[in-house]
Amino acid sequence: AAENLSQMAKNLADIHPTEWMTAEQAAQYLGCESVKAFEKIAARERIPKHYLSARTPRYNRAELDTWLMDRRQEVRG
């Protein structure tokens, strides 16, 4: 099962490598002042993170965009 999961993660990463970001890339993408600040926001706001490898969580660009749009609507609403 772990081998299948690992292969699936590799396939996902290979299909859309630009769609998956490290915490550093996600922080930069969202304009956060630091990775630590992004990680705090991600934990507080429950931004989904995925483990495509054994150690490093990745963030999906589409999920970050959805989170941003939802947040924008909350601020306006």
N, C-alpha and C. Protein backbone atom coordinates (compact mmCIF):
# COMPACT_ATOMS: atom_id res chain seq x y z
N ALA A 1 0.83 -1.19 0.00
CA ALA A 1 0.00 0.00 0.00
C ALA A 1 0.87 1.25 0.00
N ALA A 2 1.93 1.26 0.81
CA ALA A 2 2.80 2.43 0.88
C ALA A 2 3.50 2.66 -0.46
N GLU A 3 3.86 1.56 -1.12
CA GLU A 3 4.52 1.68 -2.42
C GLU A 3 3.56 2.28 -3.46
N ASN A 4 2.30 1.84 -3.44
CA ASN A 4 1.30 2.39 -4.35
C ASN A 4 1.07 3.87 -4.09
N LEU A 5 1.02 4.25 -2.81
CA LEU A 5 0.83 5.65 -2.44
C LEU A 5 2.00 6.49 -2.91
N SER A 6 3.20 5.96 -2.74
CA SER A 6 4.39 6.67 -3.17
C SER A 6 4.39 6.85 -4.68
N GLN A 7 4.01 5.81 -5.41
CA GLN A 7 3.96 5.91 -6.87
C GLN A 7 2.90 6.90 -7.31
N MET A 8 1.74 6.89 -6.65
CA MET A 8 0.67 7.83 -6.99
C MET A 8 1.15 9.27 -6.77
N ALA A 9 1.83 9.50 -5.66
CA ALA A 9 2.35 10.83 -5.37
C ALA A 9 3.34 11.27 -6.44
N LYS A 10 4.20 10.36 -6.86
CA LYS A 10 5.17 10.68 -7.91
C LYS A 10 4.44 11.01 -9.20
N ASN A 11 3.42 10.23 -9.54
CA ASN A 11 2.65 10.49 -10.76
C ASN A 11 1.98 11.85 -10.71
N LEU A 12 1.40 12.20 -9.57
CA LEU A 12 0.76 13.51 -9.43
C LEU A 12 1.77 14.63 -9.60
N ALA A 13 2.92 14.47 -8.98
CA ALA A 13 3.97 15.49 -9.08
C ALA A 13 4.47 15.62 -10.50
N ASP A 14 4.56 14.49 -11.22
CA ASP A 14 5.03 14.52 -12.60
C ASP A 14 4.01 15.16 -13.54
N ILE A 15 2.73 14.96 -13.27
CA ILE A 15 1.68 15.48 -14.14
C ILE A 15 1.66 17.01 -14.12
N HIS A 16 1.64 17.58 -12.96
CA HIS A 16 1.55 19.04 -12.82
C HIS A 16 2.57 19.54 -11.79
N PRO A 17 3.85 19.51 -12.13
CA PRO A 17 4.85 19.91 -11.14
C PRO A 17 4.69 21.34 -10.67
N THR A 18 4.17 22.23 -11.50
CA THR A 18 4.02 23.63 -11.08
C THR A 18 2.81 23.83 -10.18
N GLU A 19 1.93 22.84 -10.13
CA GLU A 19 0.75 22.95 -9.29
C GLU A 19 1.07 22.67 -7.82
N TRP A 20 2.17 22.00 -7.56
CA TRP A 20 2.54 21.64 -6.20
C TRP A 20 3.69 22.51 -5.74
N MET A 21 3.52 23.13 -4.56
CA MET A 21 4.53 24.06 -4.06
C MET A 21 5.00 23.65 -2.66
N THR A 22 6.25 23.95 -2.40
CA THR A 22 6.77 23.80 -1.05
C THR A 22 6.20 24.94 -0.20
N ALA A 23 6.43 24.88 1.09
CA ALA A 23 5.98 25.96 1.98
C ALA A 23 6.64 27.28 1.56
N GLU A 24 7.91 27.21 1.17
CA GLU A 24 8.62 28.41 0.74
C GLU A 24 7.97 29.01 -0.50
N GLN A 25 7.65 28.15 -1.48
CA GLN A 25 7.03 28.63 -2.71
C GLN A 25 5.62 29.17 -2.44
N ALA A 26 4.88 28.48 -1.59
CA ALA A 26 3.52 28.91 -1.26
C ALA A 26 3.55 30.25 -0.53
N ALA A 27 4.51 30.42 0.38
CA ALA A 27 4.64 31.69 1.09
C ALA A 27 4.92 32.83 0.12
N GLN A 28 5.81 32.59 -0.81
CA GLN A 28 6.13 33.61 -1.81
C GLN A 28 4.92 33.87 -2.70
N TYR A 29 4.23 32.83 -3.11
CA TYR A 29 3.06 32.95 -3.98
C TYR A 29 1.98 33.81 -3.32
N LEU A 30 1.81 33.63 -2.00
CA LEU A 30 0.78 34.38 -1.28
C LEU A 30 1.26 35.72 -0.75
N GLY A 31 2.54 35.99 -0.92
CA GLY A 31 3.09 37.27 -0.48
C GLY A 31 3.29 37.36 1.02
N CYS A 32 3.52 36.23 1.66
CA CYS A 32 3.76 36.23 3.11
C CYS A 32 5.16 36.75 3.40
N GLU A 33 5.30 37.35 4.56
CA GLU A 33 6.59 37.93 4.94
C GLU A 33 7.65 36.87 5.22
N SER A 34 7.21 35.66 5.61
CA SER A 34 8.17 34.59 5.88
C SER A 34 7.48 33.23 5.76
N VAL A 35 8.28 32.19 5.69
CA VAL A 35 7.73 30.83 5.64
C VAL A 35 7.03 30.52 6.95
N LYS A 36 7.63 30.97 8.04
CA LYS A 36 7.04 30.73 9.36
C LYS A 36 5.65 31.38 9.46
N ALA A 37 5.52 32.58 8.94
CA ALA A 37 4.23 33.27 8.94
C ALA A 37 3.22 32.49 8.11
N PHE A 38 3.65 32.00 6.94
CA PHE A 38 2.76 31.20 6.10
C PHE A 38 2.32 29.94 6.83
N GLU A 39 3.27 29.25 7.48
CA GLU A 39 2.94 28.00 8.18
C GLU A 39 1.94 28.25 9.31
N LYS A 40 2.05 29.37 10.00
CA LYS A 40 1.08 29.71 11.04
C LYS A 40 -0.30 29.95 10.45
N ILE A 41 -0.34 30.71 9.34
CA ILE A 41 -1.62 30.96 8.67
C ILE A 41 -2.22 29.65 8.17
N ALA A 42 -1.39 28.82 7.55
CA ALA A 42 -1.86 27.55 6.99
C ALA A 42 -2.45 26.66 8.09
N ALA A 43 -1.82 26.64 9.25
CA ALA A 43 -2.33 25.83 10.35
C ALA A 43 -3.63 26.42 10.90
N ARG A 44 -3.65 27.73 11.11
CA ARG A 44 -4.83 28.40 11.66
C ARG A 44 -6.01 28.32 10.71
N GLU A 45 -5.77 28.51 9.43
CA GLU A 45 -6.83 28.55 8.43
C GLU A 45 -7.12 27.17 7.83
N ARG A 46 -6.39 26.18 8.29
CA ARG A 46 -6.55 24.80 7.81
C ARG A 46 -6.40 24.67 6.30
N ILE A 47 -5.38 25.33 5.77
CA ILE A 47 -5.06 25.18 4.36
C ILE A 47 -4.55 23.76 4.16
N PRO A 48 -5.13 23.02 3.22
CA PRO A 48 -4.71 21.63 3.04
C PRO A 48 -3.25 21.50 2.63
N LYS A 49 -2.58 20.54 3.23
CA LYS A 49 -1.23 20.22 2.79
C LYS A 49 -1.19 18.73 2.49
N HIS A 50 -0.34 18.38 1.57
CA HIS A 50 -0.26 17.01 1.08
C HIS A 50 1.19 16.55 1.15
N TYR A 51 1.36 15.29 1.44
CA TYR A 51 2.71 14.73 1.49
C TYR A 51 2.95 13.91 0.25
N LEU A 52 3.63 14.51 -0.73
CA LEU A 52 3.98 13.81 -1.96
C LEU A 52 5.29 13.07 -1.81
N SER A 53 5.99 13.34 -0.73
CA SER A 53 7.20 12.61 -0.37
C SER A 53 7.11 12.34 1.12
N ALA A 54 8.06 11.61 1.64
CA ALA A 54 8.00 11.20 3.03
C ALA A 54 8.08 12.37 4.01
N ARG A 55 8.76 13.44 3.64
CA ARG A 55 9.04 14.49 4.62
C ARG A 55 8.42 15.85 4.36
N THR A 56 8.42 16.27 3.13
CA THR A 56 8.08 17.66 2.83
C THR A 56 6.62 17.82 2.40
N PRO A 57 5.84 18.59 3.16
CA PRO A 57 4.47 18.83 2.72
C PRO A 57 4.46 19.74 1.50
N ARG A 58 3.48 19.55 0.66
CA ARG A 58 3.29 20.39 -0.53
C ARG A 58 1.90 21.01 -0.48
N TYR A 59 1.80 22.14 -1.09
CA TYR A 59 0.54 22.87 -1.16
C TYR A 59 0.14 22.98 -2.62
N ASN A 60 -1.14 22.77 -2.88
CA ASN A 60 -1.65 22.80 -4.23
C ASN A 60 -2.08 24.22 -4.59
N ARG A 61 -1.61 24.68 -5.73
CA ARG A 61 -1.90 26.05 -6.17
C ARG A 61 -3.40 26.30 -6.28
N ALA A 62 -4.15 25.36 -6.82
CA ALA A 62 -5.61 25.55 -6.97
C ALA A 62 -6.28 25.66 -5.60
N GLU A 63 -5.82 24.90 -4.62
CA GLU A 63 -6.39 24.98 -3.27
C GLU A 63 -6.05 26.32 -2.62
N LEU A 64 -4.84 26.81 -2.87
CA LEU A 64 -4.46 28.12 -2.34
C LEU A 64 -5.31 29.21 -2.99
N ASP A 65 -5.53 29.09 -4.29
CA ASP A 65 -6.37 30.08 -4.99
C ASP A 65 -7.80 30.06 -4.44
N THR A 66 -8.34 28.87 -4.21
CA THR A 66 -9.69 28.74 -3.66
C THR A 66 -9.75 29.37 -2.28
N TRP A 67 -8.75 29.10 -1.45
CA TRP A 67 -8.69 29.67 -0.12
C TRP A 67 -8.67 31.21 -0.19
N LEU A 68 -7.86 31.74 -1.11
CA LEU A 68 -7.78 33.19 -1.26
C LEU A 68 -9.13 33.78 -1.68
N MET A 69 -9.79 33.15 -2.64
CA MET A 69 -11.08 33.65 -3.12
C MET A 69 -12.14 33.58 -2.02
N ASP A 70 -12.15 32.48 -1.26
CA ASP A 70 -13.10 32.36 -0.14
C ASP A 70 -12.85 33.45 0.88
N ARG A 71 -11.60 33.70 1.15
CA ARG A 71 -11.23 34.71 2.13
C ARG A 71 -11.64 36.11 1.66
N ARG A 72 -11.46 36.35 0.38
CA ARG A 72 -11.84 37.65 -0.19
C ARG A 72 -13.35 37.87 -0.05
N GLN A 73 -14.14 36.82 -0.28
CA GLN A 73 -15.58 36.92 -0.15
C GLN A 73 -15.99 37.16 1.29
N GLU A 74 -15.29 36.55 2.24
CA GLU A 74 -15.59 36.76 3.67
C GLU A 74 -15.33 38.21 4.06
N VAL A 75 -14.26 38.77 3.55
CA VAL A 75 -13.90 40.16 3.87
C VAL A 75 -14.95 41.10 3.30
N ARG A 76 -15.40 40.84 2.08
CA ARG A 76 -16.41 41.69 1.43
C ARG A 76 -17.78 41.53 2.06
N GLY A 77 -18.10 40.26 2.47
CA GLY A 77 -19.44 39.94 2.92
C GLY A 77 -19.82 40.56 4.18
